[in-house]
Amino acid sequence: SRLLPITVLDENDCYPVFEKSLASLHVSESARNGTIIFRFNASDKDEGLNGKVTYRLITETSQFTIDRETGILSISAPLDREKQDVYELRVRAIDGGERGSIDGEFPSLSSEAMIRIKIDDFNDCAPEFHLSDYNVRVREDIPIGTVIATVTANDLDEGNNGEVLYAFGEGLGASGEGFFKIDKFTGTIRSAKHLDFEERQIHSLIIVAVDKGLPSL
């Protein structure tokens, strides 16, 4: 009798399998280019090139890029939550396929994963008034506490970063001198003293809108 060893050769019959086929994460819009945010990991049970996995970002985007060899996903362009606050990216893992096949009859195999990226707000927007100038005409005999105007400013940030407070400012040309008061939450301006046309015909107010967020760095 004689022993006859038979070696079974690998063919490309296994698909790459992602460790996680669905993932989600949060990224600050202040994150810099090149910041690594996630690493995809897919394995293939085949041998040699048939089991060698490379990665490709299927979703078209300039904000993110993936390293073909390592599966590392990183930021490649500035993020702006006010323009887009959620990204859903498809990533494909591809094995060596025909390059690792014995006779070239077995094409490359692939699988896909999805990642959802929520962009978190950073205080990068300043409040903007609806109007750049307000002109108000009032009678001198209006009672104290009369509403004479309401100013409104919008801030595109979220939460405290987008919540606006109002106040009177100081500067060249300001001459309110206690004749008026402003509600810091609503922007409503009321008379605080009796007005006298003969004493002063024009009062100039500087109004400041400030959000409640921490200053951007």
N, C-alpha and C. Protein backbone atom coordinates (compact mmCIF):
# COMPACT_ATOMS: atom_id res chain seq x y z
N SER A 1 0.84 -1.19 0.00
CA SER A 1 0.00 0.00 0.00
C SER A 1 0.88 1.25 0.00
N ARG A 2 0.32 2.33 -0.47
CA ARG A 2 1.08 3.58 -0.53
C ARG A 2 0.15 4.75 -0.19
N LEU A 3 0.66 5.68 0.63
CA LEU A 3 -0.12 6.86 1.04
C LEU A 3 -0.15 7.86 -0.11
N LEU A 4 -1.34 8.34 -0.42
CA LEU A 4 -1.51 9.33 -1.50
C LEU A 4 -2.07 10.62 -0.91
N PRO A 5 -1.21 11.60 -0.61
CA PRO A 5 -1.71 12.88 -0.06
C PRO A 5 -2.49 13.66 -1.14
N ILE A 6 -3.61 14.18 -0.77
CA ILE A 6 -4.42 15.01 -1.68
C ILE A 6 -4.59 16.38 -1.02
N THR A 7 -4.12 17.40 -1.68
CA THR A 7 -4.21 18.78 -1.15
C THR A 7 -5.39 19.49 -1.79
N VAL A 8 -6.27 20.00 -0.98
CA VAL A 8 -7.44 20.77 -1.46
C VAL A 8 -7.02 22.22 -1.61
N LEU A 9 -7.15 22.72 -2.81
CA LEU A 9 -6.75 24.09 -3.10
C LEU A 9 -7.94 25.05 -2.94
N ASP A 10 -7.62 26.22 -2.47
CA ASP A 10 -8.66 27.22 -2.19
C ASP A 10 -9.18 27.85 -3.47
N GLU A 11 -10.51 28.00 -3.52
CA GLU A 11 -11.14 28.81 -4.55
C GLU A 11 -11.90 29.92 -3.85
N ASN A 12 -12.17 30.98 -4.58
CA ASN A 12 -12.79 32.16 -3.96
C ASN A 12 -14.28 31.96 -3.79
N ASP A 13 -14.68 31.31 -2.70
CA ASP A 13 -16.09 31.01 -2.48
C ASP A 13 -16.64 31.62 -1.19
N CYS A 14 -15.83 32.43 -0.52
CA CYS A 14 -16.28 33.08 0.72
C CYS A 14 -16.36 34.59 0.52
N TYR A 15 -17.46 35.17 1.03
CA TYR A 15 -17.64 36.62 0.96
C TYR A 15 -16.95 37.29 2.15
N PRO A 16 -16.47 38.51 1.97
CA PRO A 16 -16.01 39.28 3.14
C PRO A 16 -17.17 39.51 4.10
N VAL A 17 -16.90 39.41 5.37
CA VAL A 17 -17.94 39.61 6.39
C VAL A 17 -17.51 40.75 7.31
N PHE A 18 -18.37 41.78 7.40
CA PHE A 18 -18.08 42.91 8.27
C PHE A 18 -18.30 42.53 9.73
N GLU A 19 -17.43 43.04 10.58
CA GLU A 19 -17.61 42.87 12.02
C GLU A 19 -18.90 43.56 12.46
N LYS A 20 -19.16 44.73 11.87
CA LYS A 20 -20.42 45.45 12.10
C LYS A 20 -20.93 45.93 10.74
N SER A 21 -22.12 45.48 10.37
CA SER A 21 -22.67 45.89 9.07
C SER A 21 -23.48 47.17 9.16
N LEU A 22 -23.79 47.58 10.40
CA LEU A 22 -24.54 48.82 10.60
C LEU A 22 -23.96 49.52 11.82
N ALA A 23 -23.59 50.78 11.64
CA ALA A 23 -22.99 51.55 12.74
C ALA A 23 -23.51 52.97 12.71
N SER A 24 -23.44 53.63 13.86
CA SER A 24 -23.82 55.05 13.95
C SER A 24 -22.90 55.73 14.94
N LEU A 25 -22.64 57.00 14.69
CA LEU A 25 -21.77 57.76 15.58
C LEU A 25 -22.05 59.24 15.45
N HIS A 26 -21.52 60.02 16.41
CA HIS A 26 -21.65 61.48 16.41
C HIS A 26 -20.28 62.10 16.18
N VAL A 27 -20.25 63.15 15.37
CA VAL A 27 -19.02 63.87 15.07
C VAL A 27 -19.30 65.36 15.19
N SER A 28 -18.44 66.09 15.87
CA SER A 28 -18.61 67.53 15.98
C SER A 28 -18.28 68.21 14.66
N GLU A 29 -19.04 69.23 14.32
CA GLU A 29 -18.76 69.95 13.08
C GLU A 29 -17.45 70.72 13.16
N SER A 30 -16.86 70.81 14.35
CA SER A 30 -15.58 71.47 14.51
C SER A 30 -14.40 70.53 14.27
N ALA A 31 -14.67 69.22 14.03
CA ALA A 31 -13.59 68.26 13.84
C ALA A 31 -12.76 68.63 12.61
N ARG A 32 -11.46 68.46 12.71
CA ARG A 32 -10.56 68.91 11.66
C ARG A 32 -10.38 67.85 10.58
N ASN A 33 -9.95 68.31 9.41
CA ASN A 33 -9.61 67.39 8.33
C ASN A 33 -8.55 66.40 8.80
N GLY A 34 -8.74 65.14 8.42
CA GLY A 34 -7.80 64.10 8.79
C GLY A 34 -8.17 63.37 10.06
N THR A 35 -9.18 63.87 10.79
CA THR A 35 -9.61 63.20 12.02
C THR A 35 -10.18 61.82 11.71
N ILE A 36 -9.66 60.80 12.38
CA ILE A 36 -10.17 59.43 12.21
C ILE A 36 -11.43 59.28 13.05
N ILE A 37 -12.53 58.81 12.44
CA ILE A 37 -13.78 58.71 13.17
C ILE A 37 -14.28 57.27 13.30
N PHE A 38 -13.78 56.34 12.48
CA PHE A 38 -14.27 54.96 12.55
C PHE A 38 -13.32 54.06 11.76
N ARG A 39 -13.32 52.77 12.14
CA ARG A 39 -12.56 51.78 11.37
C ARG A 39 -13.45 50.59 11.04
N PHE A 40 -13.64 50.35 9.75
CA PHE A 40 -14.37 49.17 9.30
C PHE A 40 -13.44 47.96 9.34
N ASN A 41 -14.02 46.83 9.71
CA ASN A 41 -13.23 45.60 9.77
C ASN A 41 -14.03 44.45 9.16
N ALA A 42 -13.54 43.92 8.05
CA ALA A 42 -14.18 42.79 7.39
C ALA A 42 -13.15 41.68 7.21
N SER A 43 -13.57 40.44 7.38
CA SER A 43 -12.68 39.29 7.23
C SER A 43 -13.23 38.36 6.16
N ASP A 44 -12.32 37.60 5.53
CA ASP A 44 -12.68 36.66 4.48
C ASP A 44 -11.92 35.36 4.76
N LYS A 45 -12.64 34.23 4.80
CA LYS A 45 -12.05 32.96 5.18
C LYS A 45 -11.20 32.32 4.09
N ASP A 46 -11.25 32.87 2.89
CA ASP A 46 -10.41 32.32 1.83
C ASP A 46 -8.94 32.61 2.12
N GLU A 47 -8.05 31.95 1.34
CA GLU A 47 -6.63 32.13 1.53
C GLU A 47 -6.04 33.09 0.50
N GLY A 48 -4.86 33.59 0.81
CA GLY A 48 -4.13 34.42 -0.13
C GLY A 48 -4.91 35.64 -0.57
N LEU A 49 -4.78 35.93 -1.88
CA LEU A 49 -5.49 37.10 -2.41
C LEU A 49 -7.00 36.94 -2.33
N ASN A 50 -7.48 35.71 -2.40
CA ASN A 50 -8.92 35.48 -2.29
C ASN A 50 -9.47 35.95 -0.94
N GLY A 51 -8.62 35.98 0.06
CA GLY A 51 -9.05 36.40 1.39
C GLY A 51 -8.58 37.78 1.78
N LYS A 52 -7.88 38.45 0.86
CA LYS A 52 -7.38 39.80 1.15
C LYS A 52 -8.49 40.81 0.87
N VAL A 53 -8.85 41.59 1.87
CA VAL A 53 -9.99 42.52 1.77
C VAL A 53 -9.49 43.95 1.59
N THR A 54 -10.12 44.64 0.66
CA THR A 54 -9.90 46.08 0.51
C THR A 54 -11.26 46.78 0.63
N TYR A 55 -11.22 48.09 0.85
CA TYR A 55 -12.44 48.84 1.16
C TYR A 55 -12.65 49.98 0.17
N ARG A 56 -13.93 50.25 -0.08
CA ARG A 56 -14.27 51.32 -1.01
C ARG A 56 -15.52 52.05 -0.49
N LEU A 57 -15.47 53.37 -0.52
CA LEU A 57 -16.62 54.19 -0.13
C LEU A 57 -17.52 54.34 -1.34
N ILE A 58 -18.74 53.80 -1.25
CA ILE A 58 -19.67 53.80 -2.38
C ILE A 58 -20.43 55.11 -2.48
N THR A 59 -20.82 55.65 -1.34
CA THR A 59 -21.56 56.92 -1.33
C THR A 59 -20.65 58.06 -1.77
N GLU A 60 -21.13 58.87 -2.69
CA GLU A 60 -20.33 60.01 -3.15
C GLU A 60 -20.36 61.13 -2.11
N THR A 61 -19.19 61.49 -1.64
CA THR A 61 -19.07 62.56 -0.66
C THR A 61 -17.65 63.09 -0.67
N SER A 62 -17.53 64.38 -0.45
CA SER A 62 -16.19 64.99 -0.34
C SER A 62 -15.80 65.19 1.11
N GLN A 63 -16.76 64.95 2.04
CA GLN A 63 -16.49 65.20 3.46
C GLN A 63 -15.74 64.05 4.14
N PHE A 64 -15.82 62.85 3.55
CA PHE A 64 -15.21 61.69 4.20
C PHE A 64 -14.44 60.87 3.17
N THR A 65 -13.42 60.16 3.67
CA THR A 65 -12.64 59.27 2.81
C THR A 65 -12.29 58.02 3.60
N ILE A 66 -12.08 56.91 2.88
CA ILE A 66 -11.73 55.66 3.54
C ILE A 66 -10.40 55.14 3.01
N ASP A 67 -9.57 54.63 3.90
CA ASP A 67 -8.29 54.04 3.49
C ASP A 67 -8.56 52.67 2.88
N ARG A 68 -8.10 52.48 1.67
CA ARG A 68 -8.39 51.26 0.92
C ARG A 68 -7.90 50.00 1.64
N GLU A 69 -6.77 50.09 2.31
CA GLU A 69 -6.17 48.90 2.93
C GLU A 69 -6.65 48.67 4.36
N THR A 70 -6.81 49.74 5.13
CA THR A 70 -7.10 49.58 6.56
C THR A 70 -8.58 49.71 6.92
N GLY A 71 -9.39 50.31 6.05
CA GLY A 71 -10.80 50.53 6.36
C GLY A 71 -11.04 51.70 7.30
N ILE A 72 -10.00 52.53 7.51
CA ILE A 72 -10.15 53.68 8.40
C ILE A 72 -10.90 54.81 7.68
N LEU A 73 -11.98 55.27 8.32
CA LEU A 73 -12.80 56.36 7.78
C LEU A 73 -12.38 57.65 8.47
N SER A 74 -12.10 58.68 7.70
CA SER A 74 -11.66 59.95 8.26
C SER A 74 -12.33 61.12 7.56
N ILE A 75 -12.22 62.29 8.18
CA ILE A 75 -12.80 63.52 7.62
C ILE A 75 -11.83 64.10 6.60
N SER A 76 -12.38 64.47 5.44
CA SER A 76 -11.52 64.98 4.37
C SER A 76 -11.88 66.39 3.93
N ALA A 77 -12.95 66.97 4.50
CA ALA A 77 -13.35 68.34 4.16
C ALA A 77 -14.12 68.92 5.35
N PRO A 78 -14.15 70.24 5.49
CA PRO A 78 -14.85 70.85 6.64
C PRO A 78 -16.32 70.45 6.69
N LEU A 79 -16.82 70.23 7.90
CA LEU A 79 -18.21 69.88 8.12
C LEU A 79 -19.00 71.13 8.50
N ASP A 80 -20.25 71.18 8.06
CA ASP A 80 -21.11 72.32 8.37
C ASP A 80 -22.50 71.77 8.69
N ARG A 81 -22.82 71.69 9.99
CA ARG A 81 -24.10 71.12 10.40
C ARG A 81 -25.27 71.90 9.85
N GLU A 82 -25.08 73.22 9.68
CA GLU A 82 -26.18 74.05 9.19
C GLU A 82 -26.52 73.72 7.73
N LYS A 83 -25.60 73.13 7.00
CA LYS A 83 -25.86 72.71 5.61
C LYS A 83 -26.32 71.26 5.53
N GLN A 84 -25.70 70.38 6.31
CA GLN A 84 -26.08 68.96 6.34
C GLN A 84 -25.72 68.40 7.71
N ASP A 85 -26.73 67.85 8.39
CA ASP A 85 -26.50 67.39 9.76
C ASP A 85 -26.42 65.88 9.89
N VAL A 86 -26.74 65.14 8.82
CA VAL A 86 -26.67 63.68 8.86
C VAL A 86 -26.08 63.16 7.56
N TYR A 87 -25.17 62.20 7.67
CA TYR A 87 -24.63 61.51 6.50
C TYR A 87 -24.86 60.01 6.67
N GLU A 88 -25.31 59.35 5.62
CA GLU A 88 -25.44 57.90 5.61
C GLU A 88 -24.55 57.37 4.50
N LEU A 89 -23.50 56.66 4.89
CA LEU A 89 -22.47 56.24 3.95
C LEU A 89 -22.49 54.72 3.77
N ARG A 90 -22.36 54.27 2.54
CA ARG A 90 -22.24 52.85 2.23
C ARG A 90 -20.78 52.53 1.92
N VAL A 91 -20.29 51.48 2.53
CA VAL A 91 -18.91 51.04 2.34
C VAL A 91 -18.92 49.61 1.83
N ARG A 92 -18.09 49.33 0.85
CA ARG A 92 -18.01 47.99 0.27
C ARG A 92 -16.66 47.36 0.61
N ALA A 93 -16.70 46.11 1.06
CA ALA A 93 -15.49 45.31 1.28
C ALA A 93 -15.37 44.32 0.12
N ILE A 94 -14.21 44.28 -0.54
CA ILE A 94 -14.01 43.48 -1.75
C ILE A 94 -12.79 42.58 -1.53
N ASP A 95 -12.94 41.28 -1.86
CA ASP A 95 -11.77 40.40 -1.74
C ASP A 95 -10.95 40.40 -3.03
N GLY A 96 -9.81 39.66 -3.00
CA GLY A 96 -8.88 39.66 -4.13
C GLY A 96 -9.41 39.00 -5.38
N GLY A 97 -10.44 38.16 -5.24
CA GLY A 97 -11.13 37.58 -6.37
C GLY A 97 -10.25 36.88 -7.38
N GLU A 98 -10.40 37.27 -8.65
CA GLU A 98 -9.74 36.60 -9.75
C GLU A 98 -8.22 36.56 -9.59
N ARG A 99 -7.66 37.57 -8.94
CA ARG A 99 -6.21 37.59 -8.76
C ARG A 99 -5.74 36.43 -7.89
N GLY A 100 -6.65 35.92 -7.00
CA GLY A 100 -6.26 34.83 -6.13
C GLY A 100 -6.80 33.49 -6.58
N SER A 101 -7.56 33.46 -7.68
CA SER A 101 -8.15 32.22 -8.17
C SER A 101 -7.12 31.39 -8.95
N ILE A 102 -7.25 30.08 -8.89
CA ILE A 102 -6.32 29.19 -9.57
C ILE A 102 -6.42 29.33 -11.09
N ASP A 103 -7.64 29.35 -11.59
CA ASP A 103 -7.84 29.39 -13.05
C ASP A 103 -8.56 30.63 -13.52
N GLY A 104 -8.77 31.60 -12.62
CA GLY A 104 -9.39 32.86 -13.03
C GLY A 104 -10.88 32.80 -13.23
N GLU A 105 -11.50 31.69 -12.82
CA GLU A 105 -12.94 31.53 -13.05
C GLU A 105 -13.77 32.10 -11.90
N PHE A 106 -13.14 32.43 -10.80
CA PHE A 106 -13.89 32.89 -9.63
C PHE A 106 -13.69 34.40 -9.45
N PRO A 107 -14.71 35.18 -9.74
CA PRO A 107 -14.58 36.65 -9.64
C PRO A 107 -14.49 37.09 -8.18
N SER A 108 -14.13 38.36 -8.00
CA SER A 108 -14.07 38.90 -6.64
C SER A 108 -15.47 38.95 -6.03
N LEU A 109 -15.52 38.80 -4.72
CA LEU A 109 -16.78 38.84 -3.98
C LEU A 109 -16.75 40.04 -3.04
N SER A 110 -17.91 40.55 -2.74
CA SER A 110 -17.97 41.75 -1.90
C SER A 110 -19.21 41.75 -1.02
N SER A 111 -19.18 42.58 0.01
CA SER A 111 -20.34 42.82 0.87
C SER A 111 -20.31 44.29 1.27
N GLU A 112 -21.44 44.76 1.79
CA GLU A 112 -21.55 46.18 2.11
C GLU A 112 -21.95 46.41 3.55
N ALA A 113 -21.56 47.57 4.07
CA ALA A 113 -21.96 48.01 5.41
C ALA A 113 -22.43 49.46 5.31
N MET A 114 -23.19 49.88 6.31
CA MET A 114 -23.73 51.24 6.34
C MET A 114 -23.33 51.91 7.65
N ILE A 115 -22.97 53.19 7.56
CA ILE A 115 -22.70 53.96 8.76
C ILE A 115 -23.48 55.27 8.70
N ARG A 116 -24.11 55.62 9.82
CA ARG A 116 -24.87 56.87 9.93
C ARG A 116 -24.08 57.82 10.81
N ILE A 117 -23.77 59.00 10.29
CA ILE A 117 -22.95 59.98 11.01
C ILE A 117 -23.81 61.21 11.30
N LYS A 118 -24.01 61.48 12.59
CA LYS A 118 -24.76 62.67 13.02
C LYS A 118 -23.76 63.77 13.36
N ILE A 119 -23.93 64.91 12.73
CA ILE A 119 -23.03 66.03 12.96
C ILE A 119 -23.56 66.86 14.12
N ASP A 120 -22.76 66.96 15.18
CA ASP A 120 -23.15 67.72 16.36
C ASP A 120 -22.79 69.19 16.19
N ASP A 121 -23.62 70.04 16.77
CA ASP A 121 -23.47 71.48 16.59
C ASP A 121 -22.25 72.03 17.33
N PHE A 122 -21.64 73.01 16.71
CA PHE A 122 -20.57 73.80 17.32
C PHE A 122 -20.96 75.26 17.15
N ASN A 123 -20.68 76.07 18.15
CA ASN A 123 -21.16 77.46 18.13
C ASN A 123 -20.36 78.30 17.13
N ASP A 124 -20.73 78.16 15.86
CA ASP A 124 -19.99 78.86 14.80
C ASP A 124 -20.84 79.86 14.04
N CYS A 125 -22.08 80.05 14.47
CA CYS A 125 -22.96 81.03 13.80
C CYS A 125 -23.30 82.17 14.76
N ALA A 126 -23.24 83.38 14.27
CA ALA A 126 -23.60 84.55 15.07
C ALA A 126 -25.06 84.90 14.81
N PRO A 127 -25.75 85.45 15.82
CA PRO A 127 -27.13 85.90 15.59
C PRO A 127 -27.17 86.98 14.50
N GLU A 128 -28.21 86.92 13.68
CA GLU A 128 -28.39 87.93 12.64
C GLU A 128 -29.78 88.55 12.76
N PHE A 129 -29.83 89.87 12.79
CA PHE A 129 -31.10 90.57 12.88
C PHE A 129 -31.87 90.46 11.56
N HIS A 130 -33.19 90.41 11.68
CA HIS A 130 -34.02 90.40 10.48
C HIS A 130 -33.83 91.67 9.67
N LEU A 131 -33.68 92.81 10.38
CA LEU A 131 -33.45 94.09 9.73
C LEU A 131 -32.14 94.66 10.24
N SER A 132 -31.43 95.36 9.37
CA SER A 132 -30.17 95.98 9.80
C SER A 132 -30.42 97.30 10.51
N ASP A 133 -31.54 97.96 10.19
CA ASP A 133 -31.89 99.23 10.84
C ASP A 133 -33.38 99.23 11.17
N TYR A 134 -33.70 99.77 12.34
CA TYR A 134 -35.09 99.92 12.76
C TYR A 134 -35.36 101.42 12.96
N ASN A 135 -36.48 101.88 12.42
CA ASN A 135 -36.89 103.27 12.62
C ASN A 135 -38.27 103.27 13.27
N VAL A 136 -38.38 103.92 14.41
CA VAL A 136 -39.62 103.92 15.18
C VAL A 136 -40.03 105.36 15.46
N ARG A 137 -41.33 105.65 15.29
CA ARG A 137 -41.89 106.96 15.60
C ARG A 137 -42.90 106.78 16.74
N VAL A 138 -42.75 107.55 17.82
CA VAL A 138 -43.68 107.46 18.95
C VAL A 138 -44.10 108.86 19.39
N ARG A 139 -45.26 108.94 20.03
CA ARG A 139 -45.73 110.20 20.59
C ARG A 139 -45.03 110.44 21.93
N GLU A 140 -44.86 111.70 22.27
CA GLU A 140 -44.16 112.02 23.52
C GLU A 140 -45.02 111.73 24.75
N ASP A 141 -46.35 111.55 24.55
CA ASP A 141 -47.22 111.36 25.71
C ASP A 141 -47.57 109.89 25.95
N ILE A 142 -46.82 108.96 25.37
CA ILE A 142 -47.13 107.54 25.60
C ILE A 142 -46.84 107.19 27.05
N PRO A 143 -47.65 106.29 27.65
CA PRO A 143 -47.42 105.88 29.05
C PRO A 143 -46.12 105.10 29.19
N ILE A 144 -45.52 105.18 30.36
CA ILE A 144 -44.34 104.37 30.65
C ILE A 144 -44.73 102.89 30.55
N GLY A 145 -43.88 102.11 29.91
CA GLY A 145 -44.17 100.68 29.73
C GLY A 145 -44.78 100.35 28.39
N THR A 146 -45.02 101.37 27.56
CA THR A 146 -45.59 101.13 26.24
C THR A 146 -44.58 100.41 25.34
N VAL A 147 -45.05 99.37 24.65
CA VAL A 147 -44.19 98.67 23.69
C VAL A 147 -44.01 99.55 22.47
N ILE A 148 -42.77 99.83 22.10
CA ILE A 148 -42.53 100.68 20.94
C ILE A 148 -41.94 99.90 19.76
N ALA A 149 -41.36 98.72 20.04
CA ALA A 149 -40.79 97.92 18.96
C ALA A 149 -40.39 96.55 19.51
N THR A 150 -40.25 95.61 18.61
CA THR A 150 -39.69 94.30 18.95
C THR A 150 -38.65 93.94 17.89
N VAL A 151 -37.44 93.69 18.34
CA VAL A 151 -36.38 93.31 17.41
C VAL A 151 -36.22 91.78 17.46
N THR A 152 -35.83 91.20 16.33
CA THR A 152 -35.70 89.74 16.25
C THR A 152 -34.42 89.38 15.52
N ALA A 153 -33.68 88.44 16.10
CA ALA A 153 -32.47 87.92 15.47
C ALA A 153 -32.53 86.40 15.46
N ASN A 154 -32.02 85.79 14.42
CA ASN A 154 -31.98 84.33 14.30
C ASN A 154 -30.54 83.83 14.38
N ASP A 155 -30.38 82.66 14.97
CA ASP A 155 -29.08 81.99 15.04
C ASP A 155 -29.29 80.56 14.58
N LEU A 156 -28.55 80.12 13.58
CA LEU A 156 -28.76 78.81 12.97
C LEU A 156 -28.21 77.65 13.78
N ASP A 157 -27.49 77.95 14.87
CA ASP A 157 -26.98 76.87 15.71
C ASP A 157 -28.11 76.19 16.48
N GLU A 158 -27.77 75.07 17.15
CA GLU A 158 -28.76 74.32 17.91
C GLU A 158 -28.66 74.63 19.40
N GLY A 159 -29.76 74.34 20.12
CA GLY A 159 -29.75 74.44 21.57
C GLY A 159 -29.36 75.82 22.07
N ASN A 160 -28.56 75.84 23.15
CA ASN A 160 -28.10 77.11 23.70
C ASN A 160 -27.31 77.92 22.69
N ASN A 161 -26.61 77.22 21.79
CA ASN A 161 -25.83 77.92 20.76
C ASN A 161 -26.69 78.77 19.84
N GLY A 162 -27.98 78.40 19.73
CA GLY A 162 -28.87 79.13 18.84
C GLY A 162 -29.91 79.96 19.57
N GLU A 163 -29.86 79.98 20.91
CA GLU A 163 -30.82 80.75 21.70
C GLU A 163 -30.28 82.16 21.89
N VAL A 164 -31.08 83.16 21.52
CA VAL A 164 -30.59 84.54 21.45
C VAL A 164 -31.09 85.37 22.63
N LEU A 165 -30.18 86.17 23.17
CA LEU A 165 -30.52 87.15 24.20
C LEU A 165 -30.25 88.55 23.66
N TYR A 166 -31.03 89.53 24.15
CA TYR A 166 -30.95 90.90 23.65
C TYR A 166 -30.54 91.86 24.77
N ALA A 167 -29.83 92.91 24.38
CA ALA A 167 -29.43 93.95 25.35
C ALA A 167 -29.13 95.23 24.59
N PHE A 168 -29.08 96.32 25.33
CA PHE A 168 -28.63 97.58 24.76
C PHE A 168 -27.10 97.64 24.84
N GLY A 169 -26.49 98.12 23.77
CA GLY A 169 -25.04 98.25 23.75
C GLY A 169 -24.62 99.70 23.90
N GLU A 170 -23.33 99.86 24.12
CA GLU A 170 -22.77 101.19 24.24
C GLU A 170 -21.87 101.47 23.05
N GLY A 171 -21.85 102.72 22.64
CA GLY A 171 -20.99 103.07 21.52
C GLY A 171 -21.30 104.46 21.01
N LEU A 172 -20.56 104.85 20.01
CA LEU A 172 -20.72 106.18 19.42
C LEU A 172 -22.13 106.34 18.85
N GLY A 173 -22.84 107.35 19.29
CA GLY A 173 -24.17 107.63 18.77
C GLY A 173 -25.28 107.11 19.65
N ALA A 174 -24.97 106.26 20.63
CA ALA A 174 -26.01 105.73 21.51
C ALA A 174 -26.46 106.82 22.47
N SER A 175 -27.79 106.96 22.61
CA SER A 175 -28.30 108.03 23.48
C SER A 175 -29.62 107.64 24.14
N GLY A 176 -29.75 106.35 24.50
CA GLY A 176 -30.98 105.92 25.15
C GLY A 176 -31.10 106.47 26.55
N GLU A 177 -30.01 106.41 27.30
CA GLU A 177 -29.89 107.03 28.62
C GLU A 177 -31.06 106.70 29.54
N GLY A 178 -31.46 105.43 29.56
CA GLY A 178 -32.48 104.98 30.49
C GLY A 178 -33.92 105.28 30.10
N PHE A 179 -34.14 105.85 28.93
CA PHE A 179 -35.51 106.14 28.51
C PHE A 179 -36.25 104.89 28.05
N PHE A 180 -35.50 103.84 27.76
CA PHE A 180 -36.12 102.62 27.24
C PHE A 180 -35.49 101.40 27.91
N LYS A 181 -36.20 100.29 27.91
CA LYS A 181 -35.69 99.02 28.40
C LYS A 181 -36.07 97.93 27.41
N ILE A 182 -35.26 96.86 27.41
CA ILE A 182 -35.47 95.78 26.46
C ILE A 182 -35.58 94.46 27.20
N ASP A 183 -36.54 93.65 26.78
CA ASP A 183 -36.67 92.30 27.34
C ASP A 183 -35.58 91.42 26.74
N LYS A 184 -34.71 90.87 27.57
CA LYS A 184 -33.55 90.15 27.06
C LYS A 184 -33.92 88.85 26.34
N PHE A 185 -35.12 88.33 26.62
CA PHE A 185 -35.53 87.08 25.99
C PHE A 185 -36.33 87.29 24.71
N THR A 186 -37.15 88.33 24.66
CA THR A 186 -38.05 88.52 23.52
C THR A 186 -37.60 89.62 22.56
N GLY A 187 -36.73 90.53 23.00
CA GLY A 187 -36.34 91.65 22.16
C GLY A 187 -37.37 92.76 22.14
N THR A 188 -38.37 92.70 23.02
CA THR A 188 -39.40 93.74 23.09
C THR A 188 -38.85 94.98 23.81
N ILE A 189 -39.02 96.13 23.18
CA ILE A 189 -38.52 97.40 23.73
C ILE A 189 -39.71 98.22 24.23
N ARG A 190 -39.61 98.70 25.46
CA ARG A 190 -40.67 99.50 26.07
C ARG A 190 -40.10 100.84 26.55
N SER A 191 -40.98 101.80 26.68
CA SER A 191 -40.57 103.09 27.26
C SER A 191 -40.37 102.91 28.76
N ALA A 192 -39.34 103.56 29.30
CA ALA A 192 -39.03 103.45 30.74
C ALA A 192 -39.11 104.80 31.45
N LYS A 193 -39.21 105.86 30.68
CA LYS A 193 -39.36 107.21 31.23
C LYS A 193 -40.32 108.00 30.35
N HIS A 194 -40.81 109.10 30.91
CA HIS A 194 -41.63 109.99 30.09
C HIS A 194 -40.75 110.67 29.04
N LEU A 195 -41.27 110.76 27.82
CA LEU A 195 -40.54 111.38 26.73
C LEU A 195 -40.94 112.85 26.61
N ASP A 196 -40.00 113.66 26.18
CA ASP A 196 -40.27 115.09 26.05
C ASP A 196 -39.71 115.55 24.70
N PHE A 197 -40.60 115.86 23.79
CA PHE A 197 -40.19 116.27 22.45
C PHE A 197 -39.33 117.53 22.50
N GLU A 198 -39.70 118.46 23.36
CA GLU A 198 -38.95 119.71 23.42
C GLU A 198 -37.53 119.51 23.97
N GLU A 199 -37.35 118.45 24.75
CA GLU A 199 -36.02 118.19 25.32
C GLU A 199 -35.16 117.38 24.35
N ARG A 200 -35.77 116.38 23.69
CA ARG A 200 -35.01 115.57 22.73
C ARG A 200 -35.96 114.95 21.73
N GLN A 201 -35.66 115.14 20.45
CA GLN A 201 -36.53 114.61 19.41
C GLN A 201 -36.11 113.20 18.93
N ILE A 202 -34.84 112.88 19.08
CA ILE A 202 -34.35 111.59 18.58
C ILE A 202 -33.55 110.87 19.68
N HIS A 203 -33.89 109.63 19.89
CA HIS A 203 -33.13 108.75 20.77
C HIS A 203 -32.52 107.64 19.92
N SER A 204 -31.25 107.40 20.07
CA SER A 204 -30.57 106.36 19.29
C SER A 204 -30.17 105.22 20.21
N LEU A 205 -30.59 103.99 19.84
CA LEU A 205 -30.31 102.82 20.65
C LEU A 205 -29.43 101.84 19.86
N ILE A 206 -28.43 101.31 20.52
CA ILE A 206 -27.64 100.23 19.94
C ILE A 206 -28.12 98.93 20.57
N ILE A 207 -28.55 97.99 19.74
CA ILE A 207 -29.11 96.73 20.24
C ILE A 207 -28.14 95.61 19.90
N VAL A 208 -27.86 94.79 20.89
CA VAL A 208 -26.93 93.69 20.74
C VAL A 208 -27.67 92.36 20.91
N ALA A 209 -27.42 91.42 20.00
CA ALA A 209 -27.97 90.07 20.11
C ALA A 209 -26.81 89.11 20.34
N VAL A 210 -26.91 88.31 21.41
CA VAL A 210 -25.84 87.37 21.78
C VAL A 210 -26.47 86.00 22.02
N ASP A 211 -25.82 84.94 21.48
CA ASP A 211 -26.35 83.62 21.77
C ASP A 211 -25.87 83.14 23.14
N LYS A 212 -26.46 82.06 23.64
CA LYS A 212 -26.16 81.56 24.99
C LYS A 212 -25.08 80.48 24.99
N GLY A 213 -24.49 80.22 23.83
CA GLY A 213 -23.47 79.18 23.76
C GLY A 213 -22.13 79.69 24.23
N LEU A 214 -21.22 78.72 24.42
CA LEU A 214 -19.84 79.07 24.74
C LEU A 214 -19.17 79.65 23.51
N PRO A 215 -18.25 80.57 23.65
CA PRO A 215 -17.58 81.15 22.49
C PRO A 215 -16.85 80.08 21.69
N SER A 216 -16.89 80.22 20.36
CA SER A 216 -16.14 79.29 19.50
C SER A 216 -14.65 79.59 19.61
N LEU A 217 -13.84 78.56 19.49
CA LEU A 217 -12.41 78.71 19.62
C LEU A 217 -11.74 78.74 18.28
